[in-house]
Amino acid sequence: MELTKRLLFLDDIRNPRDAYRYTKQEIFQRDDWHIVRNYQAFVDRILEKGLPEMISFDHDLADEHYMETDPGKFVEKTGYDCAKWLVEYCMDHCLDLPEYYCHSMNPVGKQNIESLLNNFKKQ
């Protein structure tokens, strides 16, 4: 029987140990992370396995997010979109938000994700 991984790491290119290098957060040293690379994989994993104990968010999930373009023209969804979906999912199912961390190197994106999740948690 496969052990269900209860930590969810959202990032298009990095792995949890990569995040440890710049965050120094010990949790990224654990081996029980399930990695998802985009919005759809994030949603599918939660719908299939339920909420994890913890989610770590990256903001920029596609090359287009790294370029200076009009954010309104993005085709691929960001980590912020994942966080918005998570909040709606928790509200719809009367669930508490799991623990979360934002390891994104995009300071504005990181602040947006943290603000959204922190505001929901206060309700």
C-alpha atoms as a PDB file:
ATOM      1  CA  MET A   1       0.000   0.000   0.000  1.00  0.00           C
ATOM      2  CA  GLU A   2       1.420   3.382  -1.047  1.00  0.00           C
ATOM      3  CA  LEU A   3       1.762   5.976   1.687  1.00  0.00           C
ATOM      4  CA  THR A   4      -0.311   9.031   0.754  1.00  0.00           C
ATOM      5  CA  LYS A   5       1.877  12.101   0.700  1.00  0.00           C
ATOM      6  CA  ARG A   6       0.280  14.692   2.958  1.00  0.00           C
ATOM      7  CA  LEU A   7       2.460  17.659   1.988  1.00  0.00           C
ATOM      8  CA  LEU A   8       1.704  19.430  -1.299  1.00  0.00           C
ATOM      9  CA  PHE A   9       4.400  21.439  -3.095  1.00  0.00           C
ATOM     10  CA  LEU A  10       3.224  23.677  -5.948  1.00  0.00           C
ATOM     11  CA  ASP A  11       6.054  24.786  -8.234  1.00  0.00           C
ATOM     12  CA  ASP A  12       6.631  24.573 -11.972  1.00  0.00           C
ATOM     13  CA  ILE A  13      10.375  23.839 -11.802  1.00  0.00           C
ATOM     14  CA  ARG A  14      11.722  23.573  -8.258  1.00  0.00           C
ATOM     15  CA  ASN A  15      11.607  20.712  -5.786  1.00  0.00           C
ATOM     16  CA  PRO A  16      11.210  21.069  -2.014  1.00  0.00           C
ATOM     17  CA  ARG A  17      14.963  20.731  -1.390  1.00  0.00           C
ATOM     18  CA  ASP A  18      15.541  23.627  -3.788  1.00  0.00           C
ATOM     19  CA  ALA A  19      13.205  25.755  -1.662  1.00  0.00           C
ATOM     20  CA  TYR A  20      15.146  24.740   1.462  1.00  0.00           C
ATOM     21  CA  ARG A  21      18.309  26.293   0.005  1.00  0.00           C
ATOM     22  CA  TYR A  22      16.875  29.811   0.121  1.00  0.00           C
ATOM     23  CA  THR A  23      14.169  29.577   2.811  1.00  0.00           C
ATOM     24  CA  LYS A  24      16.102  27.438   5.338  1.00  0.00           C
ATOM     25  CA  GLN A  25      12.732  26.002   6.397  1.00  0.00           C
ATOM     26  CA  GLU A  26      13.404  22.472   7.698  1.00  0.00           C
ATOM     27  CA  ILE A  27      10.090  21.149   6.398  1.00  0.00           C
ATOM     28  CA  PHE A  28      11.514  21.262   2.865  1.00  0.00           C
ATOM     29  CA  GLN A  29      14.013  18.566   3.889  1.00  0.00           C
ATOM     30  CA  ARG A  30      11.206  16.014   4.277  1.00  0.00           C
ATOM     31  CA  ASP A  31      10.723  13.301   1.681  1.00  0.00           C
ATOM     32  CA  ASP A  32       6.931  13.068   1.869  1.00  0.00           C
ATOM     33  CA  TRP A  33       6.064  15.964  -0.442  1.00  0.00           C
ATOM     34  CA  HIS A  34       3.807  15.431  -3.424  1.00  0.00           C
ATOM     35  CA  ILE A  35       4.841  17.853  -6.181  1.00  0.00           C
ATOM     36  CA  VAL A  36       2.365  19.460  -8.565  1.00  0.00           C
ATOM     37  CA  ARG A  37       3.521  21.689 -11.395  1.00  0.00           C
ATOM     38  CA  ASN A  38       0.431  23.654 -12.421  1.00  0.00           C
ATOM     39  CA  TYR A  39      -3.084  24.761 -11.494  1.00  0.00           C
ATOM     40  CA  GLN A  40      -4.874  21.735 -12.927  1.00  0.00           C
ATOM     41  CA  ALA A  41      -2.581  19.244 -11.180  1.00  0.00           C
ATOM     42  CA  PHE A  42      -3.112  21.180  -7.921  1.00  0.00           C
ATOM     43  CA  VAL A  43      -6.898  21.033  -8.226  1.00  0.00           C
ATOM     44  CA  ASP A  44      -6.918  17.395  -9.358  1.00  0.00           C
ATOM     45  CA  ARG A  45      -4.702  16.275  -6.455  1.00  0.00           C
ATOM     46  CA  ILE A  46      -6.941  17.890  -3.830  1.00  0.00           C
ATOM     47  CA  LEU A  47     -10.127  16.606  -5.449  1.00  0.00           C
ATOM     48  CA  GLU A  48      -8.656  13.095  -5.573  1.00  0.00           C
ATOM     49  CA  LYS A  49      -6.871  12.919  -2.204  1.00  0.00           C
ATOM     50  CA  GLY A  50      -8.506  15.645  -0.115  1.00  0.00           C
ATOM     51  CA  LEU A  51      -6.760  18.480   1.652  1.00  0.00           C
ATOM     52  CA  PRO A  52      -3.141  17.854   2.583  1.00  0.00           C
ATOM     53  CA  GLU A  53      -1.689  18.765   5.972  1.00  0.00           C
ATOM     54  CA  MET A  54       0.333  21.553   4.389  1.00  0.00           C
ATOM     55  CA  ILE A  55       0.683  23.310   1.039  1.00  0.00           C
ATOM     56  CA  SER A  56       3.679  25.314  -0.119  1.00  0.00           C
ATOM     57  CA  PHE A  57       2.948  27.768  -2.934  1.00  0.00           C
ATOM     58  CA  ASP A  58       5.004  29.181  -5.760  1.00  0.00           C
ATOM     59  CA  HIS A  59       3.404  32.084  -7.609  1.00  0.00           C
ATOM     60  CA  ASP A  60       4.874  31.961 -11.111  1.00  0.00           C
ATOM     61  CA  LEU A  61       3.904  28.639 -12.690  1.00  0.00           C
ATOM     62  CA  ALA A  62       4.822  29.177 -16.358  1.00  0.00           C
ATOM     63  CA  ASP A  63       7.423  30.970 -18.460  1.00  0.00           C
ATOM     64  CA  GLU A  64       4.911  33.703 -19.309  1.00  0.00           C
ATOM     65  CA  HIS A  65       4.796  34.707 -15.631  1.00  0.00           C
ATOM     66  CA  TYR A  66       8.530  35.467 -15.641  1.00  0.00           C
ATOM     67  CA  MET A  67       8.328  37.932 -18.524  1.00  0.00           C
ATOM     68  CA  GLU A  68       7.249  41.536 -18.165  1.00  0.00           C
ATOM     69  CA  THR A  69       3.858  41.401 -19.843  1.00  0.00           C
ATOM     70  CA  ASP A  70       0.353  42.473 -19.046  1.00  0.00           C
ATOM     71  CA  PRO A  71      -0.804  40.095 -16.246  1.00  0.00           C
ATOM     72  CA  GLY A  72      -4.305  40.210 -17.693  1.00  0.00           C
ATOM     73  CA  LYS A  73      -3.045  38.365 -20.769  1.00  0.00           C
ATOM     74  CA  PHE A  74      -1.788  35.291 -18.895  1.00  0.00           C
ATOM     75  CA  VAL A  75      -3.083  32.015 -20.226  1.00  0.00           C
ATOM     76  CA  GLU A  76      -1.593  29.806 -17.509  1.00  0.00           C
ATOM     77  CA  LYS A  77      -2.884  30.228 -13.987  1.00  0.00           C
ATOM     78  CA  THR A  78      -0.617  31.241 -11.112  1.00  0.00           C
ATOM     79  CA  GLY A  79      -0.155  30.089  -7.546  1.00  0.00           C
ATOM     80  CA  TYR A  80      -2.505  32.916  -6.582  1.00  0.00           C
ATOM     81  CA  ASP A  81      -5.210  31.286  -8.707  1.00  0.00           C
ATOM     82  CA  CYS A  82      -4.547  28.029  -6.844  1.00  0.00           C
ATOM     83  CA  ALA A  83      -4.876  29.830  -3.513  1.00  0.00           C
ATOM     84  CA  LYS A  84      -8.187  31.395  -4.621  1.00  0.00           C
ATOM     85  CA  TRP A  85      -9.478  27.972  -5.666  1.00  0.00           C
ATOM     86  CA  LEU A  86      -8.365  26.532  -2.305  1.00  0.00           C
ATOM     87  CA  VAL A  87     -10.245  29.217  -0.363  1.00  0.00           C
ATOM     88  CA  GLU A  88     -13.422  28.568  -2.370  1.00  0.00           C
ATOM     89  CA  TYR A  89     -13.025  24.800  -1.928  1.00  0.00           C
ATOM     90  CA  CYS A  90     -12.672  25.184   1.846  1.00  0.00           C
ATOM     91  CA  MET A  91     -15.670  27.523   2.018  1.00  0.00           C
ATOM     92  CA  ASP A  92     -17.840  25.226  -0.111  1.00  0.00           C
ATOM     93  CA  HIS A  93     -16.967  22.169   2.000  1.00  0.00           C
ATOM     94  CA  CYS A  94     -16.846  23.883   5.434  1.00  0.00           C
ATOM     95  CA  LEU A  95     -13.186  22.922   5.838  1.00  0.00           C
ATOM     96  CA  ASP A  96     -10.358  24.616   7.669  1.00  0.00           C
ATOM     97  CA  LEU A  97      -7.494  25.842   5.568  1.00  0.00           C
ATOM     98  CA  PRO A  98      -4.486  23.522   5.792  1.00  0.00           C
ATOM     99  CA  GLU A  99      -1.155  24.894   6.995  1.00  0.00           C
ATOM    100  CA  TYR A 100       0.549  26.852   4.241  1.00  0.00           C
ATOM    101  CA  TYR A 101       3.798  28.470   3.269  1.00  0.00           C
ATOM    102  CA  CYS A 102       4.681  30.543   0.233  1.00  0.00           C
ATOM    103  CA  HIS A 103       8.178  29.805  -1.077  1.00  0.00           C
ATOM    104  CA  SER A 104       7.781  31.984  -4.182  1.00  0.00           C
ATOM    105  CA  MET A 105      10.689  34.226  -5.124  1.00  0.00           C
ATOM    106  CA  ASN A 106       8.229  36.741  -6.618  1.00  0.00           C
ATOM    107  CA  PRO A 107       7.763  39.202  -3.719  1.00  0.00           C
ATOM    108  CA  VAL A 108       4.499  40.703  -5.003  1.00  0.00           C
ATOM    109  CA  GLY A 109       3.020  37.314  -5.881  1.00  0.00           C
ATOM    110  CA  LYS A 110       4.116  35.924  -2.518  1.00  0.00           C
ATOM    111  CA  GLN A 111       2.489  38.814  -0.655  1.00  0.00           C
ATOM    112  CA  ASN A 112      -0.743  38.411  -2.638  1.00  0.00           C
ATOM    113  CA  ILE A 113      -0.988  34.685  -1.825  1.00  0.00           C
ATOM    114  CA  GLU A 114      -0.174  35.210   1.856  1.00  0.00           C
ATOM    115  CA  SER A 115      -2.649  38.103   2.170  1.00  0.00           C
ATOM    116  CA  LEU A 116      -5.461  36.083   0.594  1.00  0.00           C
ATOM    117  CA  LEU A 117      -4.855  33.035   2.800  1.00  0.00           C
ATOM    118  CA  ASN A 118      -4.267  35.045   5.976  1.00  0.00           C
ATOM    119  CA  ASN A 119      -7.478  37.030   5.447  1.00  0.00           C
ATOM    120  CA  PHE A 120      -9.488  33.849   4.903  1.00  0.00           C
ATOM    121  CA  LYS A 121      -7.959  32.231   7.969  1.00  0.00           C
ATOM    122  CA  LYS A 122      -9.064  35.189  10.122  1.00  0.00           C
ATOM    123  CA  GLN A 123     -12.739  34.678   9.227  1.00  0.00           C
END
